[in-house]
Structure formats: structure tokens, C-alpha cells
Amino acid sequence: MADTYRRLAKTIECPKTKKDLQRIVDADHEIINNDVCRTLRTAINQWCANNLNTYKPRYFGECNINALFHQRKMPCLKQVVKLARKLNLRLVLKTYPYAESFVEPWRQYVFDGDFEHAEFVAFLWGLSAYRSKRGDTEEMKLEREQILSEISNPNFALYWTKLIRYFAACGYQLSVRFVERDNKADEEALLRRLNYPA
């Protein structure tokens, strides 16, 4: 049985080689996969219980349902963002620095609505651009550049292993969580934008 306990980022040495990076990706992917699948399955079951008359399997996508309930695998990031929006949730990506990575304490990215590819790539680019040279290696720099060039393509599927690998190469442990969408706050923000003087 796999270890489901996730070590704190500050207790893990920042990866310097591809071997270190792969070890981190393997451990983190399993834990993130379990957490995301469990959260989405629970939310989908709750949504179905509250919407018995309107539920159709295609509302969430048959591929997504098969992945979550039968294969126990989370869909790619873009699909998870779509599912979260349908379930009235926000996906939050939070970062925690590894030991001796010499990066900023933490950063986060919140998906508020539709997936904005350019905005997300800008966030990823920022993680790499301000990476301290003290805890960096040439191998990790090349890894970041390669992954960022792939992710910059809007047609790229944004698989979780690739994202975890990129964050780790930047010196961060990736943490994924969901928060409930506050519809009232969204409406107030929209009204503020609409009433902004021209």
C-alpha cells in the first residue's frame, strides 16, 4: 500500500537532478490524484443528489466520469477547471518552497471561471523567471524551459505529471485544493466593474 502521508515541502531537499525530480513527481502525483478524485467524486455525488431531475451523465462528460469513478484518475487540468466550475467550486493551486530552493515563500493561482491559457502561462513563467540562482542547477533550468515551451502551446493537454514536474523544477511543491465559489462576492465584483465610471 502506498504511503498517503505527504511530507511538508520544507522537509524535502530541492531537486537538483532529473532523478530527484522524478522521485518527487511520482510521490506527489499519487497523493494529488487521490485528493482531487475524492473531492470531485464527493462533489459530483452531492450535486446529483440535489439535482435528480436535471442530471444527465453528459453534463460532466462521460470521459470525466469514467476517469474519476472507474479508473480513479483525475482528468487533465483544463477538464478539472471545467468540472469545478459546474460544481460551483474554484480550483486553487498553491506553492510551497522546498528546502534550500531560495524562492519566494509561496504563490497561488485561483481559477475563477473559464481556463485562461495565456494568464496561466504567465503565472508559470513568473515562477521560473524569478528563480534564485543559488539553489538552481543547469539541469533544472533546461527542464523548466522544455516544459514551459510545451505548456505554452494552447492545444497542450496540461497533464498533472507535467505540471508537478515543472513546479518542482522551479523549487516548489504543488498543492491543489478546491474552495466553494461565493456567488454573492462574484455578483458584487461584477457590479463594481459595471458601475466603474468611464
C-alpha atoms as a PDB file:
ATOM      1  CA  MET A   1       0.000   0.000   0.000  1.00  0.00           C
ATOM      2  CA  ALA A   2       1.306   3.425  -0.960  1.00  0.00           C
ATOM      3  CA  ASP A   3       2.224   5.995   1.648  1.00  0.00           C
ATOM      4  CA  THR A   4      -0.591   8.562   1.642  1.00  0.00           C
ATOM      5  CA  TYR A   5       1.163  10.952   4.036  1.00  0.00           C
ATOM      6  CA  ARG A   6       2.612  13.929   2.217  1.00  0.00           C
ATOM      7  CA  ARG A   7       5.829  15.369   3.582  1.00  0.00           C
ATOM      8  CA  LEU A   8       5.994  19.110   4.067  1.00  0.00           C
ATOM      9  CA  ALA A   9       7.904  20.917   1.327  1.00  0.00           C
ATOM     10  CA  LYS A  10      10.359  22.444   3.797  1.00  0.00           C
ATOM     11  CA  THR A  11      11.500  18.934   4.803  1.00  0.00           C
ATOM     12  CA  ILE A  12      12.290  17.921   1.189  1.00  0.00           C
ATOM     13  CA  GLU A  13      15.549  18.951  -0.412  1.00  0.00           C
ATOM     14  CA  CYS A  14      15.093  20.962  -3.599  1.00  0.00           C
ATOM     15  CA  PRO A  15      15.639  18.691  -6.643  1.00  0.00           C
ATOM     16  CA  LYS A  16      18.948  19.127  -8.430  1.00  0.00           C
ATOM     17  CA  THR A  17      18.811  16.240 -10.917  1.00  0.00           C
ATOM     18  CA  LYS A  18      16.169  14.545 -13.076  1.00  0.00           C
ATOM     19  CA  LYS A  19      16.309  11.518 -10.790  1.00  0.00           C
ATOM     20  CA  ASP A  20      15.400  13.684  -7.752  1.00  0.00           C
ATOM     21  CA  LEU A  21      12.685  15.326  -9.830  1.00  0.00           C
ATOM     22  CA  GLN A  22      11.140  12.007 -10.913  1.00  0.00           C
ATOM     23  CA  ARG A  23      11.043  10.751  -7.322  1.00  0.00           C
ATOM     24  CA  ILE A  24       9.126  13.881  -6.247  1.00  0.00           C
ATOM     25  CA  VAL A  25       6.727  13.664  -9.221  1.00  0.00           C
ATOM     26  CA  ASP A  26       5.910  10.004  -8.534  1.00  0.00           C
ATOM     27  CA  ALA A  27       5.168  10.598  -4.843  1.00  0.00           C
ATOM     28  CA  ASP A  28       3.240  13.858  -5.269  1.00  0.00           C
ATOM     29  CA  HIS A  29       1.185  12.750  -8.268  1.00  0.00           C
ATOM     30  CA  GLU A  30      -0.300   9.799  -6.404  1.00  0.00           C
ATOM     31  CA  ILE A  31      -1.315  11.927  -3.412  1.00  0.00           C
ATOM     32  CA  ILE A  32      -2.714  14.808  -5.512  1.00  0.00           C
ATOM     33  CA  ASN A  33      -4.567  12.321  -7.732  1.00  0.00           C
ATOM     34  CA  ASN A  34      -6.219  10.680  -4.705  1.00  0.00           C
ATOM     35  CA  ASP A  35      -7.195  14.031  -3.151  1.00  0.00           C
ATOM     36  CA  VAL A  36      -8.605  15.547  -6.352  1.00  0.00           C
ATOM     37  CA  CYS A  37     -10.519  12.385  -7.313  1.00  0.00           C
ATOM     38  CA  ARG A  38     -12.018  12.033  -3.843  1.00  0.00           C
ATOM     39  CA  THR A  39     -13.066  15.698  -3.721  1.00  0.00           C
ATOM     40  CA  LEU A  40     -14.595  15.688  -7.212  1.00  0.00           C
ATOM     41  CA  ARG A  41     -16.421  12.376  -6.680  1.00  0.00           C
ATOM     42  CA  THR A  42     -17.928  13.687  -3.449  1.00  0.00           C
ATOM     43  CA  ALA A  43     -18.952  16.977  -5.092  1.00  0.00           C
ATOM     44  CA  ILE A  44     -20.474  15.198  -8.116  1.00  0.00           C
ATOM     45  CA  ASN A  45     -22.433  12.817  -5.876  1.00  0.00           C
ATOM     46  CA  GLN A  46     -23.718  15.779  -3.839  1.00  0.00           C
ATOM     47  CA  TRP A  47     -24.647  17.699  -6.987  1.00  0.00           C
ATOM     48  CA  CYS A  48     -26.511  14.657  -8.373  1.00  0.00           C
ATOM     49  CA  ALA A  49     -28.417  14.227  -5.100  1.00  0.00           C
ATOM     50  CA  ASN A  50     -29.520  17.875  -5.260  1.00  0.00           C
ATOM     51  CA  ASN A  51     -30.371  17.813  -8.988  1.00  0.00           C
ATOM     52  CA  LEU A  52     -32.038  14.452  -9.554  1.00  0.00           C
ATOM     53  CA  ASN A  53     -34.471  15.817 -12.155  1.00  0.00           C
ATOM     54  CA  THR A  54     -31.865  17.547 -14.321  1.00  0.00           C
ATOM     55  CA  TYR A  55     -28.926  15.149 -14.119  1.00  0.00           C
ATOM     56  CA  LYS A  56     -27.608  13.710 -17.359  1.00  0.00           C
ATOM     57  CA  PRO A  57     -24.275  11.815 -17.482  1.00  0.00           C
ATOM     58  CA  ARG A  58     -23.124  14.064 -20.320  1.00  0.00           C
ATOM     59  CA  TYR A  59     -23.346  17.166 -18.097  1.00  0.00           C
ATOM     60  CA  PHE A  60     -19.950  16.308 -16.584  1.00  0.00           C
ATOM     61  CA  GLY A  61     -18.659  14.422 -19.624  1.00  0.00           C
ATOM     62  CA  GLU A  62     -18.610  10.654 -19.873  1.00  0.00           C
ATOM     63  CA  CYS A  63     -14.800  10.585 -20.132  1.00  0.00           C
ATOM     64  CA  ASN A  64     -14.513  12.596 -16.905  1.00  0.00           C
ATOM     65  CA  ILE A  65     -16.987  10.318 -15.089  1.00  0.00           C
ATOM     66  CA  ASN A  66     -15.126   7.197 -16.262  1.00  0.00           C
ATOM     67  CA  ALA A  67     -11.773   8.655 -15.228  1.00  0.00           C
ATOM     68  CA  LEU A  68     -12.947   9.720 -11.764  1.00  0.00           C
ATOM     69  CA  PHE A  69     -15.257   6.858 -10.789  1.00  0.00           C
ATOM     70  CA  HIS A  70     -13.897   3.837 -12.661  1.00  0.00           C
ATOM     71  CA  GLN A  71     -10.204   4.469 -13.361  1.00  0.00           C
ATOM     72  CA  ARG A  72      -9.648   6.621 -10.247  1.00  0.00           C
ATOM     73  CA  LYS A  73      -7.594   9.093 -12.288  1.00  0.00           C
ATOM     74  CA  MET A  74      -8.074  12.830 -12.369  1.00  0.00           C
ATOM     75  CA  PRO A  75      -8.643  14.395 -15.801  1.00  0.00           C
ATOM     76  CA  CYS A  76      -6.198  16.973 -17.184  1.00  0.00           C
ATOM     77  CA  LEU A  77      -6.109  20.440 -15.614  1.00  0.00           C
ATOM     78  CA  LYS A  78      -8.450  22.057 -18.170  1.00  0.00           C
ATOM     79  CA  GLN A  79     -11.118  19.402 -17.553  1.00  0.00           C
ATOM     80  CA  VAL A  80     -10.755  19.716 -13.774  1.00  0.00           C
ATOM     81  CA  VAL A  81     -11.291  23.502 -14.054  1.00  0.00           C
ATOM     82  CA  LYS A  82     -14.476  22.905 -16.119  1.00  0.00           C
ATOM     83  CA  LEU A  83     -15.767  20.341 -13.628  1.00  0.00           C
ATOM     84  CA  ALA A  84     -15.043  22.657 -10.702  1.00  0.00           C
ATOM     85  CA  ARG A  85     -16.995  25.483 -12.355  1.00  0.00           C
ATOM     86  CA  LYS A  86     -20.010  23.207 -12.959  1.00  0.00           C
ATOM     87  CA  LEU A  87     -19.860  22.100  -9.321  1.00  0.00           C
ATOM     88  CA  ASN A  88     -19.687  25.726  -8.086  1.00  0.00           C
ATOM     89  CA  LEU A  89     -16.094  25.306  -6.895  1.00  0.00           C
ATOM     90  CA  ARG A  90     -12.862  27.164  -7.514  1.00  0.00           C
ATOM     91  CA  LEU A  91      -9.625  25.293  -8.132  1.00  0.00           C
ATOM     92  CA  VAL A  92      -6.674  26.760  -6.230  1.00  0.00           C
ATOM     93  CA  LEU A  93      -3.047  25.896  -6.984  1.00  0.00           C
ATOM     94  CA  LYS A  94      -0.783  26.807  -4.101  1.00  0.00           C
ATOM     95  CA  THR A  95       3.004  26.541  -3.950  1.00  0.00           C
ATOM     96  CA  TYR A  96       5.337  25.818  -1.039  1.00  0.00           C
ATOM     97  CA  PRO A  97       9.129  26.165  -1.370  1.00  0.00           C
ATOM     98  CA  TYR A  98      11.417  23.165  -0.942  1.00  0.00           C
ATOM     99  CA  ALA A  99      14.346  23.302   1.467  1.00  0.00           C
ATOM    100  CA  GLU A 100      17.293  25.299   0.077  1.00  0.00           C
ATOM    101  CA  SER A 101      15.366  26.378  -3.019  1.00  0.00           C
ATOM    102  CA  PHE A 102      15.746  30.099  -2.148  1.00  0.00           C
ATOM    103  CA  VAL A 103      12.443  31.003  -3.833  1.00  0.00           C
ATOM    104  CA  GLU A 104       9.648  33.318  -2.682  1.00  0.00           C
ATOM    105  CA  PRO A 105       7.696  31.930   0.312  1.00  0.00           C
ATOM    106  CA  TRP A 106       4.551  30.924  -1.591  1.00  0.00           C
ATOM    107  CA  ARG A 107       2.384  31.842  -4.521  1.00  0.00           C
ATOM    108  CA  GLN A 108      -1.075  30.764  -5.568  1.00  0.00           C
ATOM    109  CA  TYR A 109      -3.257  30.769  -8.644  1.00  0.00           C
ATOM    110  CA  VAL A 110      -7.067  30.668  -8.461  1.00  0.00           C
ATOM    111  CA  PHE A 111      -9.158  29.574 -11.433  1.00  0.00           C
ATOM    112  CA  ASP A 112     -12.206  31.846 -11.230  1.00  0.00           C
ATOM    113  CA  GLY A 113     -14.055  30.955 -14.410  1.00  0.00           C
ATOM    114  CA  ASP A 114     -13.060  29.585 -17.769  1.00  0.00           C
ATOM    115  CA  PHE A 115      -9.496  28.438 -18.242  1.00  0.00           C
ATOM    116  CA  GLU A 116      -7.384  31.388 -19.406  1.00  0.00           C
ATOM    117  CA  HIS A 117      -4.348  29.800 -21.039  1.00  0.00           C
ATOM    118  CA  ALA A 118      -2.250  32.949 -21.541  1.00  0.00           C
ATOM    119  CA  GLU A 119      -2.834  34.122 -17.970  1.00  0.00           C
ATOM    120  CA  PHE A 120      -1.895  30.727 -16.540  1.00  0.00           C
ATOM    121  CA  VAL A 121       1.275  30.509 -18.683  1.00  0.00           C
ATOM    122  CA  ALA A 122       2.247  33.996 -17.440  1.00  0.00           C
ATOM    123  CA  PHE A 123       1.895  32.731 -13.854  1.00  0.00           C
ATOM    124  CA  LEU A 124       4.074  29.700 -14.662  1.00  0.00           C
ATOM    125  CA  TRP A 125       6.633  31.883 -16.411  1.00  0.00           C
ATOM    126  CA  GLY A 126       6.831  34.074 -13.291  1.00  0.00           C
ATOM    127  CA  LEU A 127       7.726  31.057 -11.147  1.00  0.00           C
ATOM    128  CA  SER A 128      10.680  30.317 -13.401  1.00  0.00           C
ATOM    129  CA  ALA A 129      11.778  33.869 -14.197  1.00  0.00           C
ATOM    130  CA  TYR A 130      12.477  34.847 -10.596  1.00  0.00           C
ATOM    131  CA  ARG A 131      14.139  31.566  -9.630  1.00  0.00           C
ATOM    132  CA  SER A 132      17.185  32.186  -7.442  1.00  0.00           C
ATOM    133  CA  LYS A 133      20.473  31.019  -8.946  1.00  0.00           C
ATOM    134  CA  ARG A 134      21.712  29.896  -5.526  1.00  0.00           C
ATOM    135  CA  GLY A 135      19.533  26.769  -5.351  1.00  0.00           C
ATOM    136  CA  ASP A 136      19.298  26.158  -9.105  1.00  0.00           C
ATOM    137  CA  THR A 137      21.132  23.816 -11.466  1.00  0.00           C
ATOM    138  CA  GLU A 138      21.601  23.825 -15.229  1.00  0.00           C
ATOM    139  CA  GLU A 139      19.667  20.545 -15.473  1.00  0.00           C
ATOM    140  CA  MET A 140      16.615  22.072 -13.760  1.00  0.00           C
ATOM    141  CA  LYS A 141      16.851  25.206 -15.907  1.00  0.00           C
ATOM    142  CA  LEU A 142      16.747  23.130 -19.098  1.00  0.00           C
ATOM    143  CA  GLU A 143      13.852  21.071 -17.697  1.00  0.00           C
ATOM    144  CA  ARG A 144      11.835  24.232 -16.965  1.00  0.00           C
ATOM    145  CA  GLU A 145      12.484  25.677 -20.412  1.00  0.00           C
ATOM    146  CA  GLN A 146      11.434  22.458 -22.142  1.00  0.00           C
ATOM    147  CA  ILE A 147       8.231  22.059 -20.119  1.00  0.00           C
ATOM    148  CA  LEU A 148       7.300  25.742 -20.465  1.00  0.00           C
ATOM    149  CA  SER A 149       7.708  25.567 -24.253  1.00  0.00           C
ATOM    150  CA  GLU A 150       5.302  22.577 -24.333  1.00  0.00           C
ATOM    151  CA  ILE A 151       2.791  24.157 -21.947  1.00  0.00           C
ATOM    152  CA  SER A 152       2.831  27.435 -23.904  1.00  0.00           C
ATOM    153  CA  ASN A 153       1.028  25.649 -26.746  1.00  0.00           C
ATOM    154  CA  PRO A 154      -2.728  26.270 -26.168  1.00  0.00           C
ATOM    155  CA  ASN A 155      -3.524  22.785 -27.532  1.00  0.00           C
ATOM    156  CA  PHE A 156      -1.352  21.052 -24.934  1.00  0.00           C
ATOM    157  CA  ALA A 157      -3.487  18.952 -22.545  1.00  0.00           C
ATOM    158  CA  LEU A 158      -1.755  20.142 -19.328  1.00  0.00           C
ATOM    159  CA  TYR A 159      -1.252  16.774 -17.667  1.00  0.00           C
ATOM    160  CA  TRP A 160      -0.717  16.820 -13.916  1.00  0.00           C
ATOM    161  CA  THR A 161       2.598  14.955 -14.004  1.00  0.00           C
ATOM    162  CA  LYS A 162       4.000  17.648 -16.301  1.00  0.00           C
ATOM    163  CA  LEU A 163       2.727  20.427 -14.023  1.00  0.00           C
ATOM    164  CA  ILE A 164       4.072  18.804 -10.848  1.00  0.00           C
ATOM    165  CA  ARG A 165       7.406  18.308 -12.626  1.00  0.00           C
ATOM    166  CA  TYR A 166       7.514  21.975 -13.674  1.00  0.00           C
ATOM    167  CA  PHE A 167       6.647  23.297 -10.210  1.00  0.00           C
ATOM    168  CA  ALA A 168       9.290  21.024  -8.627  1.00  0.00           C
ATOM    169  CA  ALA A 169      11.901  22.192 -11.154  1.00  0.00           C
ATOM    170  CA  CYS A 170      11.028  25.755 -10.086  1.00  0.00           C
ATOM    171  CA  GLY A 171      11.661  24.790  -6.429  1.00  0.00           C
ATOM    172  CA  TYR A 172       8.031  24.482  -5.316  1.00  0.00           C
ATOM    173  CA  GLN A 173       5.785  21.724  -4.053  1.00  0.00           C
ATOM    174  CA  LEU A 174       2.402  21.975  -5.760  1.00  0.00           C
ATOM    175  CA  SER A 175      -0.699  21.813  -3.590  1.00  0.00           C
ATOM    176  CA  VAL A 176      -4.193  21.505  -5.086  1.00  0.00           C
ATOM    177  CA  ARG A 177      -7.426  22.340  -3.274  1.00  0.00           C
ATOM    178  CA  PHE A 178     -10.980  23.380  -4.004  1.00  0.00           C
ATOM    179  CA  VAL A 179     -12.924  26.215  -2.384  1.00  0.00           C
ATOM    180  CA  GLU A 180     -16.599  26.951  -2.701  1.00  0.00           C
ATOM    181  CA  ARG A 181     -17.483  29.731  -5.077  1.00  0.00           C
ATOM    182  CA  ASP A 182     -19.028  32.718  -3.298  1.00  0.00           C
ATOM    183  CA  ASN A 183     -21.725  33.808  -5.754  1.00  0.00           C
ATOM    184  CA  LYS A 184     -22.565  36.937  -3.776  1.00  0.00           C
ATOM    185  CA  ALA A 185     -18.961  38.142  -3.886  1.00  0.00           C
ATOM    186  CA  ASP A 186     -18.867  37.408  -7.633  1.00  0.00           C
ATOM    187  CA  GLU A 187     -22.012  39.467  -8.185  1.00  0.00           C
ATOM    188  CA  GLU A 188     -20.647  42.373  -6.127  1.00  0.00           C
ATOM    189  CA  ALA A 189     -17.369  42.322  -8.081  1.00  0.00           C
ATOM    190  CA  LEU A 190     -19.304  42.325 -11.360  1.00  0.00           C
ATOM    191  CA  LEU A 191     -21.458  45.266 -10.198  1.00  0.00           C
ATOM    192  CA  ARG A 192     -18.338  47.204  -9.195  1.00  0.00           C
ATOM    193  CA  ARG A 193     -16.890  46.675 -12.679  1.00  0.00           C
ATOM    194  CA  LEU A 194     -20.164  47.638 -14.378  1.00  0.00           C
ATOM    195  CA  ASN A 195     -20.578  50.787 -12.250  1.00  0.00           C
ATOM    196  CA  TYR A 196     -16.969  51.904 -12.667  1.00  0.00           C
ATOM    197  CA  PRO A 197     -17.001  55.481 -14.027  1.00  0.00           C
ATOM    198  CA  ALA A 198     -15.832  55.725 -17.641  1.00  0.00           C
END
